[in-house]
Amino acid sequence: ALAEQALELALDASEVTTPAVAALRLAVAEDAFAMFLCETAGAAVLQDGLLAAPLALVNLRPGGLLEALRASNRHAEDALMLQEALGSWRGGSGPLADLPHLDSVLKEGLPWSGSPAR
């Protein structure tokens, strides 16, 4: 739930009007990526053990293995949108484009490397 909330908050750049709010939004984005990466590592372990797990744990509601894997996939979509949004912040205008820390996040803090497919 925390990763999902952080990703949603970081994606909503509509209220970014000052450099301080922009810096806070970037910090939330960094935290969201860190939580997503941890969640993805956990999902990889769950996926690896999925076929050996007892049926009761696979389909447990709430909190079963399948539910956790579905959540991880939904968060991957949000993380991808956030990564693309951060890339557009660099080329944009306003407080988000002027963040000195933005370049280091774009170079080191993203889940995926490379350019977006078009």
Foldseek 3Di string as FASTA:
>chain_A
DLLVVLLVQLLPCVPPADLVVLVVSVVSLLVSLVVLVVLVVVLVVLVVCVVVDDPCQQPPPPPHNVNSNVVSVVSVVSLVSSLVVLVVLCVDDHSNVPDPCSVVCNVPRHPDDDDDDD
